[in-house]
Amino acid sequence: MLDSVRSASKQLIRDFNELQISSVKSADFINKTYSKSKQLIYDCLKNYNQNYDFIFEDDVGQDLKDGGYTWFIMPIEGKENLFSCMVYFAVSVCLIHKNRVVAAVIDAPALRETFWAEEKKGAFLEDFKSRHVKMRMKAREGGIIDISGNLLNKLPLDNNNLRSLGSTVLGFAYLAAGRYNGIIYSGINKYKTSLGRLFLQESGGRLREDNALVIAGDIN
């Protein structure tokens, strides 16, 4: 899983750098970047085990086989940030078994950070200095609460602490690492929610669902 996301990240960072210096930013360029990332991850994981199934973020209507293993692949999570030359985007792979995520990797190419979690083994961060840290969720006074963009100005919370930074999976990882105080997301698919639940349970937190909202962290 680490090899697959890192191979895609190398291509993503090349395209990200090209976007930064190019005067033309087209949807076609982003779509090609997405397709290249998708193919690189698929090829790497297929070579690892040909018996596992695949679901991609853009075709999650597929049914999972009972009892088997399935890869859930997010070739670019936070695509709008990438398109806008913002560094807060990621590539992610999850392994699903019995309809829950049991292992997941999130790589942030422009931030040079990798997060991963495995059921009953913990959640970890590797930074650009190759330091490995076991993550523990903790609250910080006045810390950021990351929310979905459609919730801005709709929540009865202190607006000074609310942000919508545009990547759900990085939001879960940042909360697990103690960088955020909380998250509130709406409209995300069940596999992303399961990824978040894994990262949080392995870092000492928990996630709850309430009226189509996914909520975790220090939120009153």
Foldseek 3Di string as FASTA:
>chain_A
DVVLFVVLLVLLVVLLVVLVPDPDQDPVSLVVSLVVSVVSSVVVVCVVPVPEAEDEQVRVVDDDDAFGKYKYWYSKFLSVCSSVSHQPIWTKIFIDGRRFTQKMKIARNSQQKIWIFGHPPAIWIQHNVRDIDGFAADADVLFAEEEDPVCPPPDPDDNVRYDHPGGLLVNLVCRRRHRGQKYKYADHDPHSLSSSQRSQVRRPWGWDDDPRIIITGPDD
